[in-house]
Amino acid sequence: MLTATGREQGIADEKFVRLLRQNKLKVTQPRLSVLQIVSDKDTAISQPELEKLLGDAVDRVTLYRVLATFEEKGILHKIFDLHGTATYALCSTDCDEHHHHDEHVHFICSACNSIYCLDEIKLPKISLPEGYQLTSVGINAVGLCAQCKSASK
């Protein structure tokens, strides 16, 4: 019999397998592992942090390819932290390879450099002059996350 944790893991695996198949991607352990780690985090995660968590299970080149593919397919979106390091978070279910719909504000903690997706705060509609084409918009809010704020008291 599966434990609650085992059941939850099985459900997560099924969800990730469906997500990969929807995007016409081969189901591989490196891809499933990356999806599991990213979905377990409440903040965006960097490639070096992912590499550390994956250990020897996934080599660096494979990880780069997985991240690039997931970003291209609209599974992950990339956010740069205060040091210019790329971090990754799951996209909304509305995203696909032709258009990312993660049009929300990102909060970056100036103390710990964690990045949080503020999905409930949508970006304003941007009207461009004729002839312009918008490819992406990003708004970052910078301050102290709840943990760092309470630690500073």
C-alpha atoms as a PDB file:
ATOM      1  CA  MET A   1       0.000   0.000   0.000  1.00  0.00           C
ATOM      2  CA  LEU A   2       1.260   3.474  -0.835  1.00  0.00           C
ATOM      3  CA  THR A   3       1.919   5.952   1.923  1.00  0.00           C
ATOM      4  CA  ALA A   4       0.486   9.456   1.649  1.00  0.00           C
ATOM      5  CA  THR A   5       3.890  10.630   0.454  1.00  0.00           C
ATOM      6  CA  GLY A   6       4.072   7.779  -2.056  1.00  0.00           C
ATOM      7  CA  ARG A   7       0.581   8.561  -3.347  1.00  0.00           C
ATOM      8  CA  GLU A   8       1.414  12.259  -3.670  1.00  0.00           C
ATOM      9  CA  GLN A   9       4.625  11.386  -5.523  1.00  0.00           C
ATOM     10  CA  GLY A  10       2.703   9.101  -7.887  1.00  0.00           C
ATOM     11  CA  ILE A  11       0.168  11.835  -8.635  1.00  0.00           C
ATOM     12  CA  ALA A  12       2.966  14.355  -9.246  1.00  0.00           C
ATOM     13  CA  ASP A  13       4.760  11.920 -11.557  1.00  0.00           C
ATOM     14  CA  GLU A  14       1.556  11.326 -13.548  1.00  0.00           C
ATOM     15  CA  LYS A  15       1.000  15.076 -13.846  1.00  0.00           C
ATOM     16  CA  PHE A  16       4.564  15.598 -15.101  1.00  0.00           C
ATOM     17  CA  VAL A  17       4.325  12.690 -17.547  1.00  0.00           C
ATOM     18  CA  ARG A  18       1.118  14.248 -18.963  1.00  0.00           C
ATOM     19  CA  LEU A  19       2.810  17.664 -19.175  1.00  0.00           C
ATOM     20  CA  LEU A  20       5.764  16.248 -21.088  1.00  0.00           C
ATOM     21  CA  ARG A  21       3.535  14.296 -23.466  1.00  0.00           C
ATOM     22  CA  GLN A  22       1.287  17.342 -24.056  1.00  0.00           C
ATOM     23  CA  ASN A  23       4.418  19.178 -25.166  1.00  0.00           C
ATOM     24  CA  LYS A  24       5.505  16.266 -27.374  1.00  0.00           C
ATOM     25  CA  LEU A  25       8.579  15.633 -25.236  1.00  0.00           C
ATOM     26  CA  LYS A  26      10.076  12.268 -24.428  1.00  0.00           C
ATOM     27  CA  VAL A  27       9.507  11.280 -20.795  1.00  0.00           C
ATOM     28  CA  THR A  28      12.965  10.970 -19.242  1.00  0.00           C
ATOM     29  CA  GLN A  29      14.157  10.794 -15.658  1.00  0.00           C
ATOM     30  CA  PRO A  30      16.172  14.054 -15.921  1.00  0.00           C
ATOM     31  CA  ARG A  31      13.068  15.927 -17.119  1.00  0.00           C
ATOM     32  CA  LEU A  32      10.881  14.393 -14.409  1.00  0.00           C
ATOM     33  CA  SER A  33      13.484  15.169 -11.747  1.00  0.00           C
ATOM     34  CA  VAL A  34      13.760  18.822 -12.798  1.00  0.00           C
ATOM     35  CA  LEU A  35       9.970  19.226 -12.816  1.00  0.00           C
ATOM     36  CA  GLN A  36       9.705  17.652  -9.358  1.00  0.00           C
ATOM     37  CA  ILE A  37      12.372  19.911  -7.845  1.00  0.00           C
ATOM     38  CA  VAL A  38      11.028  23.093  -9.443  1.00  0.00           C
ATOM     39  CA  SER A  39       7.441  22.306  -8.405  1.00  0.00           C
ATOM     40  CA  ASP A  40       8.491  21.582  -4.809  1.00  0.00           C
ATOM     41  CA  LYS A  41      10.043  25.043  -4.408  1.00  0.00           C
ATOM     42  CA  ASP A  42       8.046  28.160  -3.528  1.00  0.00           C
ATOM     43  CA  THR A  43      10.758  30.323  -5.104  1.00  0.00           C
ATOM     44  CA  ALA A  44      12.452  30.336  -8.483  1.00  0.00           C
ATOM     45  CA  ILE A  45      15.536  28.119  -8.662  1.00  0.00           C
ATOM     46  CA  SER A  46      18.860  28.686 -10.406  1.00  0.00           C
ATOM     47  CA  GLN A  47      20.694  26.201 -12.595  1.00  0.00           C
ATOM     48  CA  PRO A  48      23.575  25.869 -10.077  1.00  0.00           C
ATOM     49  CA  GLU A  49      21.087  25.124  -7.273  1.00  0.00           C
ATOM     50  CA  LEU A  50      19.305  22.572  -9.466  1.00  0.00           C
ATOM     51  CA  GLU A  51      22.637  21.001 -10.332  1.00  0.00           C
ATOM     52  CA  LYS A  52      23.484  20.667  -6.642  1.00  0.00           C
ATOM     53  CA  LEU A  53      20.103  19.095  -5.800  1.00  0.00           C
ATOM     54  CA  LEU A  54      20.279  16.667  -8.722  1.00  0.00           C
ATOM     55  CA  GLY A  55      23.816  15.573  -7.848  1.00  0.00           C
ATOM     56  CA  ASP A  56      25.295  12.999 -10.187  1.00  0.00           C
ATOM     57  CA  ALA A  57      21.862  11.946 -11.477  1.00  0.00           C
ATOM     58  CA  VAL A  58      21.910  14.561 -14.265  1.00  0.00           C
ATOM     59  CA  ASP A  59      25.010  16.014 -15.918  1.00  0.00           C
ATOM     60  CA  ARG A  60      25.385  19.742 -16.558  1.00  0.00           C
ATOM     61  CA  VAL A  61      24.879  19.575 -20.341  1.00  0.00           C
ATOM     62  CA  THR A  62      21.664  17.562 -19.962  1.00  0.00           C
ATOM     63  CA  LEU A  63      20.403  20.025 -17.354  1.00  0.00           C
ATOM     64  CA  TYR A  64      21.080  22.986 -19.669  1.00  0.00           C
ATOM     65  CA  ARG A  65      19.202  21.227 -22.459  1.00  0.00           C
ATOM     66  CA  VAL A  66      16.259  20.370 -20.196  1.00  0.00           C
ATOM     67  CA  LEU A  67      15.986  23.981 -18.965  1.00  0.00           C
ATOM     68  CA  ALA A  68      16.253  25.406 -22.496  1.00  0.00           C
ATOM     69  CA  THR A  69      13.644  22.962 -23.812  1.00  0.00           C
ATOM     70  CA  PHE A  70      11.261  23.655 -20.925  1.00  0.00           C
ATOM     71  CA  GLU A  71      11.590  27.403 -21.438  1.00  0.00           C
ATOM     72  CA  GLU A  72      11.046  27.042 -25.194  1.00  0.00           C
ATOM     73  CA  LYS A  73       7.953  24.877 -24.651  1.00  0.00           C
ATOM     74  CA  GLY A  74       6.406  27.227 -22.067  1.00  0.00           C
ATOM     75  CA  ILE A  75       6.866  24.839 -19.140  1.00  0.00           C
ATOM     76  CA  LEU A  76       9.283  27.109 -17.254  1.00  0.00           C
ATOM     77  CA  HIS A  77       9.891  30.830 -17.349  1.00  0.00           C
ATOM     78  CA  LYS A  78      13.206  32.536 -16.669  1.00  0.00           C
ATOM     79  CA  ILE A  79      13.705  35.374 -14.193  1.00  0.00           C
ATOM     80  CA  PHE A  80      17.032  37.068 -13.512  1.00  0.00           C
ATOM     81  CA  ASP A  81      17.947  37.687  -9.868  1.00  0.00           C
ATOM     82  CA  LEU A  82      19.702  40.780  -8.509  1.00  0.00           C
ATOM     83  CA  HIS A  83      23.098  39.348  -9.505  1.00  0.00           C
ATOM     84  CA  GLY A  84      22.050  38.576 -13.090  1.00  0.00           C
ATOM     85  CA  THR A  85      21.747  34.831 -12.490  1.00  0.00           C
ATOM     86  CA  ALA A  86      18.946  33.115 -14.405  1.00  0.00           C
ATOM     87  CA  THR A  87      16.390  31.378 -12.212  1.00  0.00           C
ATOM     88  CA  TYR A  88      13.449  29.262 -13.298  1.00  0.00           C
ATOM     89  CA  ALA A  89       9.852  28.852 -12.146  1.00  0.00           C
ATOM     90  CA  LEU A  90       6.933  26.844 -13.480  1.00  0.00           C
ATOM     91  CA  CYS A  91       4.776  28.562 -16.057  1.00  0.00           C
ATOM     92  CA  SER A  92       1.037  28.769 -15.790  1.00  0.00           C
ATOM     93  CA  THR A  93      -0.984  26.063 -17.512  1.00  0.00           C
ATOM     94  CA  ASP A  94      -1.920  28.635 -20.193  1.00  0.00           C
ATOM     95  CA  CYS A  95       1.648  28.859 -21.505  1.00  0.00           C
ATOM     96  CA  ASP A  96       2.802  27.074 -24.612  1.00  0.00           C
ATOM     97  CA  GLU A  97       5.747  27.194 -26.962  1.00  0.00           C
ATOM     98  CA  HIS A  98       4.229  30.059 -28.927  1.00  0.00           C
ATOM     99  CA  HIS A  99       3.401  32.371 -26.044  1.00  0.00           C
ATOM    100  CA  HIS A 100       4.193  32.626 -22.376  1.00  0.00           C
ATOM    101  CA  HIS A 101       1.261  33.880 -20.318  1.00  0.00           C
ATOM    102  CA  ASP A 102       3.223  34.369 -17.099  1.00  0.00           C
ATOM    103  CA  GLU A 103       2.466  38.045 -17.073  1.00  0.00           C
ATOM    104  CA  HIS A 104       2.859  38.665 -13.368  1.00  0.00           C
ATOM    105  CA  VAL A 105       5.161  40.559 -11.043  1.00  0.00           C
ATOM    106  CA  HIS A 106       8.198  38.870  -9.503  1.00  0.00           C
ATOM    107  CA  PHE A 107       9.314  39.766  -5.969  1.00  0.00           C
ATOM    108  CA  ILE A 108      13.060  39.597  -5.358  1.00  0.00           C
ATOM    109  CA  CYS A 109      14.333  39.653  -1.787  1.00  0.00           C
ATOM    110  CA  SER A 110      17.258  42.055  -1.500  1.00  0.00           C
ATOM    111  CA  ALA A 111      18.656  40.095   1.463  1.00  0.00           C
ATOM    112  CA  CYS A 112      18.477  36.426   0.426  1.00  0.00           C
ATOM    113  CA  ASN A 113      17.998  36.973  -3.351  1.00  0.00           C
ATOM    114  CA  SER A 114      15.000  34.593  -3.473  1.00  0.00           C
ATOM    115  CA  ILE A 115      12.494  35.210  -6.250  1.00  0.00           C
ATOM    116  CA  TYR A 116       8.764  34.705  -5.748  1.00  0.00           C
ATOM    117  CA  CYS A 117       6.137  34.710  -8.504  1.00  0.00           C
ATOM    118  CA  LEU A 118       3.295  37.009  -7.481  1.00  0.00           C
ATOM    119  CA  ASP A 119       0.710  35.411  -9.756  1.00  0.00           C
ATOM    120  CA  GLU A 120      -2.123  37.495  -8.341  1.00  0.00           C
ATOM    121  CA  ILE A 121      -0.491  40.773  -9.479  1.00  0.00           C
ATOM    122  CA  LYS A 122      -0.909  40.967 -13.249  1.00  0.00           C
ATOM    123  CA  LEU A 123       1.129  43.189 -15.514  1.00  0.00           C
ATOM    124  CA  PRO A 124      -0.632  46.121 -17.156  1.00  0.00           C
ATOM    125  CA  LYS A 125      -1.555  45.917 -20.832  1.00  0.00           C
ATOM    126  CA  ILE A 126       1.055  47.719 -22.873  1.00  0.00           C
ATOM    127  CA  SER A 127       0.034  49.610 -25.993  1.00  0.00           C
ATOM    128  CA  LEU A 128       2.908  50.074 -28.397  1.00  0.00           C
ATOM    129  CA  PRO A 129       3.231  52.447 -31.306  1.00  0.00           C
ATOM    130  CA  GLU A 130       2.471  51.003 -34.727  1.00  0.00           C
ATOM    131  CA  GLY A 131       5.286  48.892 -36.092  1.00  0.00           C
ATOM    132  CA  TYR A 132       6.552  47.766 -32.685  1.00  0.00           C
ATOM    133  CA  GLN A 133       6.348  44.157 -31.564  1.00  0.00           C
ATOM    134  CA  LEU A 134       6.419  43.166 -27.914  1.00  0.00           C
ATOM    135  CA  THR A 135       8.318  39.986 -27.068  1.00  0.00           C
ATOM    136  CA  SER A 136       8.412  40.138 -23.280  1.00  0.00           C
ATOM    137  CA  VAL A 137       7.635  42.298 -20.281  1.00  0.00           C
ATOM    138  CA  GLY A 138       9.055  41.962 -16.820  1.00  0.00           C
ATOM    139  CA  ILE A 139       8.352  43.866 -13.646  1.00  0.00           C
ATOM    140  CA  ASN A 140      10.293  43.065 -10.509  1.00  0.00           C
ATOM    141  CA  ALA A 141       9.456  44.278  -7.042  1.00  0.00           C
ATOM    142  CA  VAL A 142      12.456  44.336  -4.692  1.00  0.00           C
ATOM    143  CA  GLY A 143      12.350  44.304  -0.902  1.00  0.00           C
ATOM    144  CA  LEU A 144      12.543  41.900   2.018  1.00  0.00           C
ATOM    145  CA  CYS A 145      10.737  38.553   1.987  1.00  0.00           C
ATOM    146  CA  ALA A 146       8.787  37.571   5.109  1.00  0.00           C
ATOM    147  CA  GLN A 147      11.626  35.385   6.431  1.00  0.00           C
ATOM    148  CA  CYS A 148      14.317  38.029   6.029  1.00  0.00           C
ATOM    149  CA  LYS A 149      12.068  40.754   7.424  1.00  0.00           C
ATOM    150  CA  SER A 150      11.319  38.748  10.570  1.00  0.00           C
ATOM    151  CA  ALA A 151      15.017  37.799  10.924  1.00  0.00           C
ATOM    152  CA  SER A 152      16.032  41.465  10.827  1.00  0.00           C
ATOM    153  CA  LYS A 153      13.864  42.359  13.849  1.00  0.00           C
END
